[in-house]
Amino acid sequence: MQGRFHFYEGYNIATVTYPVRVFFLLGIETLIVTNAAGGLNTKFKVGDIMLIKDHINMPGFAGQNPLCGRNEERFGVRFPCMSDAYDRDFARMAKETAQELGCDSFLQEGVYCMLAGPSFETIAECKVLRTLGADAVGMSTVPEVVVARHCGMRVFGLSLITNKVVADYKSTEKANHEEVLETTRMRTEDLQNLVSNLVAKM
């Protein structure tokens, strides 16, 4: 896909995840997801690439789970497991690939948290997310991953840390979309190289 449907754009959760079910019906077995995310982990730097090892589905906590409603048995079981949402073998391969490409100096691993957006997080919200164990926060990806795993697809995910969240009331920093776009432009080639080399190994 080039781009995706975002929940914050007003699409319902079924539309957001519709392409993943199309992929499954086309015979796709592996889904690679990428996103731009704010860095919650204080050790992360802007421009780091984070392997997603797990996620926190905040919209799901509020009832916005793409699997709500009647279960479609042709896609998967009623209550799919999510403790293995992100494929560990692919993560290991990605670390090896990053080392070969000289990208391991800015490769991280952590937990991605999805919020609905489109507003950036408050300072209090950032503190809550850190307490919950989130390393990065964004506004996408998780619904697609949930549906992909429901379909039995293997999933690999990467977050580009495009900005550091503001978590100090004394700070004059402000999250802004321009910084996100600039960091994305800066790291696009590294991200593409990592994914294309990983796909070759797959």
N, C-alpha and C. Protein backbone atom coordinates (compact mmCIF):
# COMPACT_ATOMS: atom_id res chain seq x y z
N MET A 1 0.85 -1.20 0.00
CA MET A 1 0.00 0.00 0.00
C MET A 1 0.88 1.24 0.00
N GLN A 2 0.41 2.27 -0.65
CA GLN A 2 1.07 3.57 -0.55
C GLN A 2 0.16 4.43 0.33
N GLY A 3 0.57 4.57 1.60
CA GLY A 3 -0.32 5.23 2.54
C GLY A 3 -1.34 4.25 3.11
N ARG A 4 -2.23 4.77 3.91
CA ARG A 4 -3.27 3.92 4.52
C ARG A 4 -4.44 4.78 4.94
N PHE A 5 -5.55 4.12 5.28
CA PHE A 5 -6.68 4.82 5.88
C PHE A 5 -6.37 5.03 7.36
N HIS A 6 -6.59 6.23 7.87
CA HIS A 6 -6.36 6.50 9.29
C HIS A 6 -7.69 6.70 10.01
N PHE A 7 -7.77 6.20 11.21
CA PHE A 7 -8.96 6.37 12.04
C PHE A 7 -9.23 7.86 12.26
N TYR A 8 -8.16 8.65 12.44
CA TYR A 8 -8.34 10.08 12.73
C TYR A 8 -8.86 10.87 11.52
N GLU A 9 -8.80 10.27 10.34
CA GLU A 9 -9.34 10.93 9.15
C GLU A 9 -10.86 10.78 9.06
N GLY A 10 -11.43 10.01 9.98
CA GLY A 10 -12.87 9.83 10.00
C GLY A 10 -13.34 8.50 9.46
N TYR A 11 -12.39 7.66 9.00
CA TYR A 11 -12.77 6.33 8.53
C TYR A 11 -13.11 5.44 9.73
N ASN A 12 -14.10 4.58 9.57
CA ASN A 12 -14.38 3.65 10.67
C ASN A 12 -13.33 2.54 10.68
N ILE A 13 -13.30 1.81 11.76
CA ILE A 13 -12.24 0.82 11.97
C ILE A 13 -12.30 -0.31 10.94
N ALA A 14 -13.50 -0.59 10.43
CA ALA A 14 -13.64 -1.63 9.40
C ALA A 14 -12.98 -1.20 8.09
N THR A 15 -13.12 0.08 7.75
CA THR A 15 -12.50 0.60 6.53
C THR A 15 -10.98 0.65 6.67
N VAL A 16 -10.52 1.05 7.86
CA VAL A 16 -9.08 1.12 8.13
C VAL A 16 -8.41 -0.23 7.87
N THR A 17 -9.08 -1.29 8.24
CA THR A 17 -8.49 -2.63 8.16
C THR A 17 -8.90 -3.42 6.92
N TYR A 18 -9.79 -2.88 6.12
CA TYR A 18 -10.30 -3.55 4.92
C TYR A 18 -9.17 -4.06 3.99
N PRO A 19 -8.14 -3.23 3.72
CA PRO A 19 -7.09 -3.70 2.81
C PRO A 19 -6.38 -4.97 3.28
N VAL A 20 -6.26 -5.15 4.60
CA VAL A 20 -5.56 -6.32 5.12
C VAL A 20 -6.34 -7.59 4.78
N ARG A 21 -7.65 -7.52 4.87
CA ARG A 21 -8.45 -8.69 4.51
C ARG A 21 -8.37 -8.97 3.01
N VAL A 22 -8.27 -7.90 2.21
CA VAL A 22 -8.08 -8.09 0.76
C VAL A 22 -6.75 -8.79 0.51
N PHE A 23 -5.70 -8.35 1.21
CA PHE A 23 -4.38 -9.00 1.08
C PHE A 23 -4.50 -10.48 1.38
N PHE A 24 -5.19 -10.80 2.48
CA PHE A 24 -5.33 -12.20 2.89
C PHE A 24 -6.03 -13.01 1.80
N LEU A 25 -7.10 -12.46 1.23
CA LEU A 25 -7.84 -13.17 0.19
C LEU A 25 -7.02 -13.30 -1.09
N LEU A 26 -6.03 -12.43 -1.27
CA LEU A 26 -5.12 -12.53 -2.42
C LEU A 26 -4.00 -13.54 -2.19
N GLY A 27 -3.93 -14.07 -0.95
CA GLY A 27 -2.92 -15.08 -0.65
C GLY A 27 -1.68 -14.55 0.05
N ILE A 28 -1.71 -13.28 0.46
CA ILE A 28 -0.57 -12.70 1.18
C ILE A 28 -0.43 -13.37 2.55
N GLU A 29 0.80 -13.75 2.90
CA GLU A 29 1.03 -14.46 4.16
C GLU A 29 1.80 -13.63 5.19
N THR A 30 2.45 -12.56 4.74
CA THR A 30 3.26 -11.74 5.64
C THR A 30 2.91 -10.27 5.44
N LEU A 31 2.71 -9.54 6.55
CA LEU A 31 2.42 -8.11 6.49
C LEU A 31 3.54 -7.35 7.18
N ILE A 32 4.13 -6.39 6.46
CA ILE A 32 5.13 -5.50 7.04
C ILE A 32 4.47 -4.14 7.23
N VAL A 33 4.49 -3.64 8.46
CA VAL A 33 3.87 -2.35 8.77
C VAL A 33 4.94 -1.35 9.20
N THR A 34 4.80 -0.12 8.76
CA THR A 34 5.71 0.95 9.18
C THR A 34 4.88 2.15 9.60
N ASN A 35 5.45 2.96 10.46
CA ASN A 35 4.75 4.17 10.89
C ASN A 35 5.75 5.22 11.39
N ALA A 36 5.25 6.43 11.53
CA ALA A 36 5.99 7.50 12.19
C ALA A 36 5.48 7.55 13.63
N ALA A 37 6.39 7.70 14.59
CA ALA A 37 5.98 7.65 15.99
C ALA A 37 6.77 8.64 16.84
N GLY A 38 6.16 9.05 17.93
CA GLY A 38 6.84 9.90 18.90
C GLY A 38 7.60 9.03 19.89
N GLY A 39 8.81 9.43 20.22
CA GLY A 39 9.61 8.65 21.15
C GLY A 39 9.26 8.94 22.60
N LEU A 40 8.77 7.92 23.29
CA LEU A 40 8.49 8.01 24.73
C LEU A 40 9.69 7.58 25.55
N ASN A 41 10.41 6.60 25.05
CA ASN A 41 11.61 6.09 25.73
C ASN A 41 12.69 7.18 25.71
N THR A 42 13.17 7.54 26.88
CA THR A 42 14.15 8.64 26.97
C THR A 42 15.48 8.29 26.32
N LYS A 43 15.73 7.01 26.07
CA LYS A 43 16.98 6.59 25.42
C LYS A 43 16.90 6.71 23.89
N PHE A 44 15.69 6.89 23.37
CA PHE A 44 15.52 6.98 21.92
C PHE A 44 15.90 8.37 21.43
N LYS A 45 16.42 8.42 20.21
CA LYS A 45 16.75 9.69 19.57
C LYS A 45 15.88 9.87 18.32
N VAL A 46 15.66 11.12 17.94
CA VAL A 46 14.95 11.39 16.70
C VAL A 46 15.75 10.79 15.55
N GLY A 47 15.08 10.03 14.69
CA GLY A 47 15.75 9.34 13.60
C GLY A 47 16.03 7.88 13.86
N ASP A 48 15.82 7.44 15.11
CA ASP A 48 15.97 6.01 15.41
C ASP A 48 14.85 5.22 14.73
N ILE A 49 15.16 3.96 14.42
CA ILE A 49 14.16 3.03 13.89
C ILE A 49 13.91 1.98 14.96
N MET A 50 12.64 1.83 15.35
CA MET A 50 12.29 0.89 16.42
C MET A 50 11.60 -0.35 15.86
N LEU A 51 12.18 -1.52 16.15
CA LEU A 51 11.48 -2.77 15.88
C LEU A 51 10.31 -2.87 16.85
N ILE A 52 9.12 -3.08 16.35
CA ILE A 52 7.96 -3.21 17.24
C ILE A 52 7.92 -4.63 17.78
N LYS A 53 8.09 -4.79 19.10
CA LYS A 53 8.03 -6.13 19.68
C LYS A 53 6.65 -6.43 20.26
N ASP A 54 5.86 -5.36 20.49
CA ASP A 54 4.52 -5.54 21.05
C ASP A 54 3.78 -4.22 20.90
N HIS A 55 2.48 -4.23 21.16
CA HIS A 55 1.74 -2.97 21.08
C HIS A 55 0.72 -2.85 22.22
N ILE A 56 0.30 -1.61 22.44
CA ILE A 56 -0.80 -1.29 23.36
C ILE A 56 -1.89 -0.65 22.51
N ASN A 57 -3.07 -1.26 22.52
CA ASN A 57 -4.16 -0.84 21.65
C ASN A 57 -5.15 0.03 22.43
N MET A 58 -4.83 1.31 22.56
CA MET A 58 -5.69 2.21 23.34
C MET A 58 -7.11 2.33 22.77
N PRO A 59 -7.28 2.49 21.44
CA PRO A 59 -8.65 2.51 20.92
C PRO A 59 -9.39 1.20 21.23
N GLY A 60 -8.64 0.10 21.25
CA GLY A 60 -9.26 -1.19 21.60
C GLY A 60 -9.78 -1.19 23.02
N PHE A 61 -9.04 -0.51 23.93
CA PHE A 61 -9.51 -0.39 25.31
C PHE A 61 -10.87 0.32 25.35
N ALA A 62 -11.09 1.22 24.39
CA ALA A 62 -12.33 2.00 24.36
C ALA A 62 -13.40 1.37 23.47
N GLY A 63 -13.17 0.12 23.04
CA GLY A 63 -14.17 -0.60 22.27
C GLY A 63 -14.01 -0.52 20.77
N GLN A 64 -12.93 0.16 20.29
CA GLN A 64 -12.71 0.27 18.85
C GLN A 64 -11.76 -0.83 18.38
N ASN A 65 -12.19 -2.06 18.51
CA ASN A 65 -11.42 -3.20 18.03
C ASN A 65 -12.00 -3.66 16.70
N PRO A 66 -11.18 -3.84 15.66
CA PRO A 66 -11.72 -4.20 14.35
C PRO A 66 -12.38 -5.57 14.31
N LEU A 67 -12.22 -6.36 15.36
CA LEU A 67 -12.82 -7.70 15.39
C LEU A 67 -14.16 -7.72 16.11
N CYS A 68 -14.63 -6.54 16.58
CA CYS A 68 -15.94 -6.49 17.22
C CYS A 68 -17.04 -6.81 16.19
N GLY A 69 -18.11 -7.40 16.68
CA GLY A 69 -19.20 -7.77 15.78
C GLY A 69 -19.13 -9.25 15.44
N ARG A 70 -19.90 -9.65 14.44
CA ARG A 70 -19.96 -11.06 14.04
C ARG A 70 -18.61 -11.50 13.51
N ASN A 71 -18.15 -12.67 13.96
CA ASN A 71 -16.86 -13.17 13.48
C ASN A 71 -17.00 -13.82 12.11
N GLU A 72 -16.07 -13.47 11.22
CA GLU A 72 -16.01 -14.09 9.89
C GLU A 72 -15.06 -15.28 9.97
N GLU A 73 -15.61 -16.48 10.03
CA GLU A 73 -14.81 -17.69 10.21
C GLU A 73 -13.80 -17.92 9.08
N ARG A 74 -14.08 -17.40 7.89
CA ARG A 74 -13.15 -17.61 6.77
C ARG A 74 -11.85 -16.85 6.99
N PHE A 75 -11.87 -15.85 7.88
CA PHE A 75 -10.66 -15.10 8.19
C PHE A 75 -9.93 -15.66 9.41
N GLY A 76 -10.66 -15.99 10.46
CA GLY A 76 -9.99 -16.48 11.66
C GLY A 76 -10.95 -16.82 12.78
N VAL A 77 -10.39 -17.22 13.90
CA VAL A 77 -11.18 -17.67 15.05
C VAL A 77 -11.79 -16.48 15.79
N ARG A 78 -12.76 -16.74 16.61
CA ARG A 78 -13.48 -15.70 17.34
C ARG A 78 -12.55 -14.92 18.28
N PHE A 79 -11.68 -15.64 18.99
CA PHE A 79 -10.81 -15.00 19.99
C PHE A 79 -9.34 -15.27 19.66
N PRO A 80 -8.77 -14.49 18.75
CA PRO A 80 -7.38 -14.74 18.35
C PRO A 80 -6.37 -14.31 19.41
N CYS A 81 -5.28 -15.04 19.49
CA CYS A 81 -4.18 -14.73 20.41
C CYS A 81 -3.40 -13.53 19.88
N MET A 82 -2.97 -12.63 20.78
CA MET A 82 -2.17 -11.48 20.37
C MET A 82 -0.83 -11.42 21.12
N SER A 83 -0.52 -12.43 21.91
CA SER A 83 0.75 -12.41 22.65
C SER A 83 1.95 -12.63 21.73
N ASP A 84 1.67 -13.09 20.50
CA ASP A 84 2.74 -13.29 19.52
C ASP A 84 2.46 -12.47 18.26
N ALA A 85 1.92 -11.26 18.46
CA ALA A 85 1.48 -10.44 17.32
C ALA A 85 2.61 -10.14 16.35
N TYR A 86 3.81 -9.90 16.88
CA TYR A 86 4.95 -9.52 16.03
C TYR A 86 5.94 -10.67 15.96
N ASP A 87 6.24 -11.10 14.76
CA ASP A 87 7.04 -12.29 14.52
C ASP A 87 8.47 -12.15 15.03
N ARG A 88 8.87 -13.01 15.96
CA ARG A 88 10.19 -12.91 16.58
C ARG A 88 11.32 -13.31 15.65
N ASP A 89 11.04 -14.25 14.74
CA ASP A 89 12.07 -14.65 13.77
C ASP A 89 12.40 -13.49 12.83
N PHE A 90 11.37 -12.75 12.41
CA PHE A 90 11.60 -11.60 11.54
C PHE A 90 12.38 -10.51 12.29
N ALA A 91 12.09 -10.34 13.57
CA ALA A 91 12.81 -9.34 14.37
C ALA A 91 14.29 -9.70 14.46
N ARG A 92 14.57 -10.98 14.66
CA ARG A 92 15.97 -11.43 14.71
C ARG A 92 16.66 -11.19 13.37
N MET A 93 15.98 -11.52 12.29
CA MET A 93 16.54 -11.29 10.96
C MET A 93 16.77 -9.80 10.70
N ALA A 94 15.88 -8.98 11.19
CA ALA A 94 16.00 -7.53 11.00
C ALA A 94 17.23 -6.98 11.72
N LYS A 95 17.48 -7.50 12.91
CA LYS A 95 18.67 -7.06 13.67
C LYS A 95 19.95 -7.45 12.93
N GLU A 96 19.96 -8.66 12.39
CA GLU A 96 21.12 -9.12 11.62
C GLU A 96 21.31 -8.26 10.36
N THR A 97 20.20 -7.96 9.70
CA THR A 97 20.24 -7.14 8.48
C THR A 97 20.73 -5.73 8.78
N ALA A 98 20.24 -5.17 9.88
CA ALA A 98 20.65 -3.82 10.27
C ALA A 98 22.15 -3.76 10.54
N GLN A 99 22.67 -4.81 11.15
CA GLN A 99 24.10 -4.87 11.44
C GLN A 99 24.91 -4.94 10.14
N GLU A 100 24.42 -5.73 9.20
CA GLU A 100 25.10 -5.86 7.91
C GLU A 100 25.11 -4.54 7.14
N LEU A 101 24.02 -3.75 7.29
CA LEU A 101 23.89 -2.49 6.56
C LEU A 101 24.51 -1.31 7.30
N GLY A 102 24.97 -1.57 8.54
CA GLY A 102 25.52 -0.48 9.34
C GLY A 102 24.46 0.42 9.94
N CYS A 103 23.25 -0.12 10.09
CA CYS A 103 22.13 0.64 10.65
C CYS A 103 21.88 0.34 12.13
N ASP A 104 22.66 -0.58 12.69
CA ASP A 104 22.36 -1.03 14.06
C ASP A 104 22.58 0.06 15.11
N SER A 105 23.34 1.12 14.76
CA SER A 105 23.59 2.19 15.73
C SER A 105 22.33 3.00 16.03
N PHE A 106 21.36 2.98 15.10
CA PHE A 106 20.11 3.70 15.36
C PHE A 106 18.90 2.77 15.32
N LEU A 107 19.14 1.47 15.53
CA LEU A 107 18.05 0.50 15.61
C LEU A 107 17.70 0.24 17.08
N GLN A 108 16.44 0.39 17.41
CA GLN A 108 15.95 0.15 18.76
C GLN A 108 14.89 -0.95 18.72
N GLU A 109 14.40 -1.34 19.87
CA GLU A 109 13.31 -2.31 19.96
C GLU A 109 12.40 -1.87 21.09
N GLY A 110 11.08 -1.96 20.89
CA GLY A 110 10.20 -1.52 21.97
C GLY A 110 8.74 -1.75 21.69
N VAL A 111 7.92 -1.19 22.57
CA VAL A 111 6.47 -1.33 22.54
C VAL A 111 5.86 -0.08 21.93
N TYR A 112 5.00 -0.29 20.94
CA TYR A 112 4.31 0.80 20.26
C TYR A 112 2.91 0.95 20.84
N CYS A 113 2.51 2.17 21.14
CA CYS A 113 1.16 2.42 21.63
C CYS A 113 0.39 3.25 20.61
N MET A 114 -0.81 2.82 20.29
CA MET A 114 -1.64 3.59 19.37
C MET A 114 -2.69 4.39 20.13
N LEU A 115 -2.75 5.68 19.82
CA LEU A 115 -3.84 6.55 20.25
C LEU A 115 -4.64 6.92 19.01
N ALA A 116 -5.86 7.39 19.20
CA ALA A 116 -6.73 7.65 18.06
C ALA A 116 -6.33 8.89 17.27
N GLY A 117 -5.70 9.90 17.92
CA GLY A 117 -5.35 11.14 17.24
C GLY A 117 -6.61 11.94 16.91
N PRO A 118 -6.50 13.02 16.10
CA PRO A 118 -5.29 13.52 15.46
C PRO A 118 -4.46 14.48 16.32
N SER A 119 -4.94 14.83 17.51
CA SER A 119 -4.13 15.71 18.35
C SER A 119 -2.94 14.94 18.93
N PHE A 120 -1.81 15.64 19.08
CA PHE A 120 -0.67 15.03 19.75
C PHE A 120 -0.98 14.88 21.24
N GLU A 121 -0.15 14.14 21.95
CA GLU A 121 -0.43 13.78 23.33
C GLU A 121 -0.17 14.95 24.30
N THR A 122 -0.93 14.99 25.38
CA THR A 122 -0.65 15.94 26.45
C THR A 122 0.53 15.41 27.26
N ILE A 123 1.09 16.27 28.09
CA ILE A 123 2.21 15.86 28.94
C ILE A 123 1.76 14.76 29.90
N ALA A 124 0.57 14.92 30.47
CA ALA A 124 0.04 13.92 31.40
C ALA A 124 -0.16 12.58 30.70
N GLU A 125 -0.66 12.62 29.45
CA GLU A 125 -0.86 11.38 28.69
C GLU A 125 0.46 10.68 28.41
N CYS A 126 1.49 11.46 28.08
CA CYS A 126 2.82 10.87 27.84
C CYS A 126 3.34 10.16 29.09
N LYS A 127 3.12 10.77 30.23
CA LYS A 127 3.57 10.17 31.49
C LYS A 127 2.82 8.86 31.76
N VAL A 128 1.52 8.84 31.45
CA VAL A 128 0.73 7.63 31.62
C VAL A 128 1.25 6.53 30.71
N LEU A 129 1.52 6.88 29.46
CA LEU A 129 1.97 5.88 28.49
C LEU A 129 3.33 5.29 28.89
N ARG A 130 4.22 6.13 29.41
CA ARG A 130 5.51 5.62 29.89
C ARG A 130 5.30 4.65 31.05
N THR A 131 4.38 5.00 31.94
CA THR A 131 4.08 4.13 33.08
C THR A 131 3.55 2.78 32.61
N LEU A 132 2.79 2.79 31.51
CA LEU A 132 2.22 1.56 30.96
C LEU A 132 3.26 0.71 30.22
N GLY A 133 4.44 1.28 29.98
CA GLY A 133 5.50 0.51 29.33
C GLY A 133 5.65 0.78 27.85
N ALA A 134 5.04 1.85 27.34
CA ALA A 134 5.17 2.17 25.92
C ALA A 134 6.48 2.90 25.65
N ASP A 135 7.12 2.56 24.54
CA ASP A 135 8.36 3.21 24.12
C ASP A 135 8.15 4.22 23.01
N ALA A 136 7.06 4.07 22.27
CA ALA A 136 6.75 4.98 21.17
C ALA A 136 5.24 5.08 21.03
N VAL A 137 4.78 6.21 20.50
CA VAL A 137 3.33 6.43 20.38
C VAL A 137 3.01 6.98 19.00
N GLY A 138 1.91 6.48 18.42
CA GLY A 138 1.48 6.94 17.12
C GLY A 138 -0.03 6.80 16.96
N MET A 139 -0.49 7.00 15.72
CA MET A 139 -1.93 7.06 15.47
C MET A 139 -2.39 6.05 14.42
N SER A 140 -1.68 4.94 14.28
CA SER A 140 -2.03 3.98 13.23
C SER A 140 -1.52 2.59 13.58
N THR A 141 -1.58 1.70 12.60
CA THR A 141 -0.87 0.40 12.58
C THR A 141 -1.56 -0.73 13.36
N VAL A 142 -1.94 -0.46 14.60
CA VAL A 142 -2.43 -1.54 15.46
C VAL A 142 -3.69 -2.23 14.90
N PRO A 143 -4.69 -1.50 14.41
CA PRO A 143 -5.87 -2.21 13.87
C PRO A 143 -5.51 -3.17 12.74
N GLU A 144 -4.59 -2.74 11.86
CA GLU A 144 -4.17 -3.59 10.75
C GLU A 144 -3.46 -4.84 11.25
N VAL A 145 -2.65 -4.67 12.29
CA VAL A 145 -1.93 -5.82 12.86
C VAL A 145 -2.92 -6.81 13.49
N VAL A 146 -3.90 -6.30 14.20
CA VAL A 146 -4.90 -7.16 14.84
C VAL A 146 -5.62 -8.01 13.79
N VAL A 147 -6.01 -7.37 12.70
CA VAL A 147 -6.72 -8.10 11.65
C VAL A 147 -5.79 -9.08 10.94
N ALA A 148 -4.56 -8.68 10.71
CA ALA A 148 -3.59 -9.58 10.07
C ALA A 148 -3.37 -10.83 10.90
N ARG A 149 -3.24 -10.67 12.20
CA ARG A 149 -3.05 -11.83 13.07
C ARG A 149 -4.31 -12.67 13.15
N HIS A 150 -5.47 -12.03 13.11
CA HIS A 150 -6.73 -12.77 13.07
C HIS A 150 -6.76 -13.67 11.83
N CYS A 151 -6.18 -13.17 10.73
CA CYS A 151 -6.13 -13.93 9.48
C CYS A 151 -5.00 -14.96 9.44
N GLY A 152 -4.16 -14.97 10.50
CA GLY A 152 -3.06 -15.93 10.54
C GLY A 152 -1.83 -15.47 9.78
N MET A 153 -1.77 -14.18 9.43
CA MET A 153 -0.61 -13.64 8.73
C MET A 153 0.52 -13.36 9.72
N ARG A 154 1.76 -13.51 9.24
CA ARG A 154 2.92 -13.14 10.06
C ARG A 154 3.12 -11.63 9.92
N VAL A 155 3.51 -10.99 11.02
CA VAL A 155 3.62 -9.53 11.03
C VAL A 155 5.00 -9.07 11.49
N PHE A 156 5.53 -8.10 10.78
CA PHE A 156 6.78 -7.44 11.17
C PHE A 156 6.52 -5.94 11.14
N GLY A 157 6.95 -5.23 12.19
CA GLY A 157 6.66 -3.80 12.26
C GLY A 157 7.85 -2.94 12.62
N LEU A 158 7.91 -1.75 12.03
CA LEU A 158 8.95 -0.77 12.31
C LEU A 158 8.32 0.59 12.57
N SER A 159 8.83 1.28 13.58
CA SER A 159 8.44 2.67 13.84
C SER A 159 9.64 3.57 13.62
N LEU A 160 9.45 4.63 12.85
CA LEU A 160 10.48 5.65 12.73
C LEU A 160 10.21 6.70 13.79
N ILE A 161 11.17 6.91 14.68
CA ILE A 161 11.00 7.90 15.75
C ILE A 161 11.24 9.28 15.14
N THR A 162 10.15 9.98 14.88
CA THR A 162 10.23 11.25 14.15
C THR A 162 10.29 12.47 15.08
N ASN A 163 9.95 12.28 16.34
CA ASN A 163 10.00 13.38 17.30
C ASN A 163 10.04 12.81 18.71
N LYS A 164 10.53 13.60 19.62
CA LYS A 164 10.51 13.21 21.04
C LYS A 164 9.26 13.83 21.66
N VAL A 165 8.53 13.03 22.44
CA VAL A 165 7.33 13.56 23.08
C VAL A 165 7.72 14.59 24.13
N VAL A 166 6.81 15.51 24.39
CA VAL A 166 7.03 16.53 25.42
C VAL A 166 6.45 16.00 26.72
N ALA A 167 7.33 15.76 27.70
CA ALA A 167 6.87 15.15 28.95
C ALA A 167 7.30 15.96 30.18
N ASP A 168 7.62 17.24 29.95
CA ASP A 168 8.07 18.11 31.05
C ASP A 168 7.34 19.44 30.94
N TYR A 169 6.67 19.83 32.02
CA TYR A 169 5.89 21.07 32.00
C TYR A 169 6.77 22.32 31.84
N LYS A 170 8.05 22.19 32.11
CA LYS A 170 8.96 23.33 31.96
C LYS A 170 9.47 23.47 30.53
N SER A 171 9.22 22.47 29.71
CA SER A 171 9.73 22.48 28.34
C SER A 171 8.96 23.47 27.47
N THR A 172 9.67 24.11 26.54
CA THR A 172 9.03 25.01 25.57
C THR A 172 8.85 24.31 24.22
N GLU A 173 9.29 23.03 24.13
CA GLU A 173 9.15 22.25 22.90
C GLU A 173 7.67 21.98 22.62
N LYS A 174 7.33 21.86 21.34
CA LYS A 174 5.97 21.52 20.96
C LYS A 174 6.02 20.49 19.83
N ALA A 175 5.22 19.44 19.96
CA ALA A 175 5.15 18.44 18.88
C ALA A 175 4.53 19.11 17.67
N ASN A 176 5.12 18.84 16.49
CA ASN A 176 4.56 19.44 15.27
C ASN A 176 4.79 18.50 14.07
N HIS A 177 3.90 18.61 13.11
CA HIS A 177 3.91 17.69 11.97
C HIS A 177 5.10 17.95 11.05
N GLU A 178 5.59 19.18 11.01
CA GLU A 178 6.73 19.51 10.15
C GLU A 178 7.96 18.71 10.56
N GLU A 179 8.20 18.58 11.87
CA GLU A 179 9.34 17.80 12.36
C GLU A 179 9.21 16.34 11.95
N VAL A 180 7.98 15.82 12.01
CA VAL A 180 7.71 14.44 11.61
C VAL A 180 8.08 14.23 10.15
N LEU A 181 7.65 15.14 9.29
CA LEU A 181 7.92 15.02 7.86
C LEU A 181 9.41 15.14 7.55
N GLU A 182 10.10 16.05 8.23
CA GLU A 182 11.53 16.26 7.98
C GLU A 182 12.35 15.03 8.38
N THR A 183 12.03 14.45 9.54
CA THR A 183 12.74 13.25 9.98
C THR A 183 12.47 12.09 9.04
N THR A 184 11.23 11.99 8.57
CA THR A 184 10.88 10.92 7.62
C THR A 184 11.72 11.04 6.35
N ARG A 185 11.84 12.25 5.84
CA ARG A 185 12.66 12.47 4.63
C ARG A 185 14.12 12.07 4.88
N MET A 186 14.62 12.41 6.07
CA MET A 186 16.02 12.15 6.42
C MET A 186 16.33 10.66 6.48
N ARG A 187 15.39 9.85 6.94
CA ARG A 187 15.67 8.44 7.22
C ARG A 187 15.02 7.49 6.21
N THR A 188 14.33 8.02 5.22
CA THR A 188 13.59 7.18 4.27
C THR A 188 14.46 6.12 3.61
N GLU A 189 15.64 6.52 3.14
CA GLU A 189 16.50 5.59 2.41
C GLU A 189 16.96 4.44 3.31
N ASP A 190 17.33 4.75 4.55
CA ASP A 190 17.75 3.70 5.49
C ASP A 190 16.61 2.72 5.75
N LEU A 191 15.41 3.27 5.92
CA LEU A 191 14.24 2.43 6.19
C LEU A 191 13.95 1.53 4.99
N GLN A 192 14.02 2.08 3.80
CA GLN A 192 13.77 1.30 2.58
C GLN A 192 14.81 0.20 2.41
N ASN A 193 16.08 0.52 2.66
CA ASN A 193 17.15 -0.47 2.54
C ASN A 193 16.95 -1.62 3.52
N LEU A 194 16.59 -1.27 4.75
CA LEU A 194 16.39 -2.29 5.77
C LEU A 194 15.25 -3.22 5.37
N VAL A 195 14.12 -2.65 4.93
CA VAL A 195 12.97 -3.47 4.58
C VAL A 195 13.26 -4.32 3.33
N SER A 196 13.86 -3.72 2.30
CA SER A 196 14.10 -4.47 1.05
C SER A 196 15.08 -5.62 1.26
N ASN A 197 16.12 -5.38 2.08
CA ASN A 197 17.08 -6.46 2.37
C ASN A 197 16.45 -7.54 3.22
N LEU A 198 15.58 -7.15 4.13
CA LEU A 198 14.88 -8.12 4.97
C LEU A 198 13.93 -8.98 4.12
N VAL A 199 13.23 -8.34 3.20
CA VAL A 199 12.31 -9.07 2.31
C VAL A 199 13.08 -10.10 1.48
N ALA A 200 14.27 -9.71 1.02
CA ALA A 200 15.09 -10.64 0.25
C ALA A 200 15.44 -11.88 1.06
N LYS A 201 15.70 -11.69 2.36
CA LYS A 201 16.01 -12.83 3.23
C LYS A 201 14.76 -13.68 3.51
N MET A 202 13.62 -13.02 3.61
CA MET A 202 12.36 -13.76 3.85
C MET A 202 12.11 -14.76 2.74
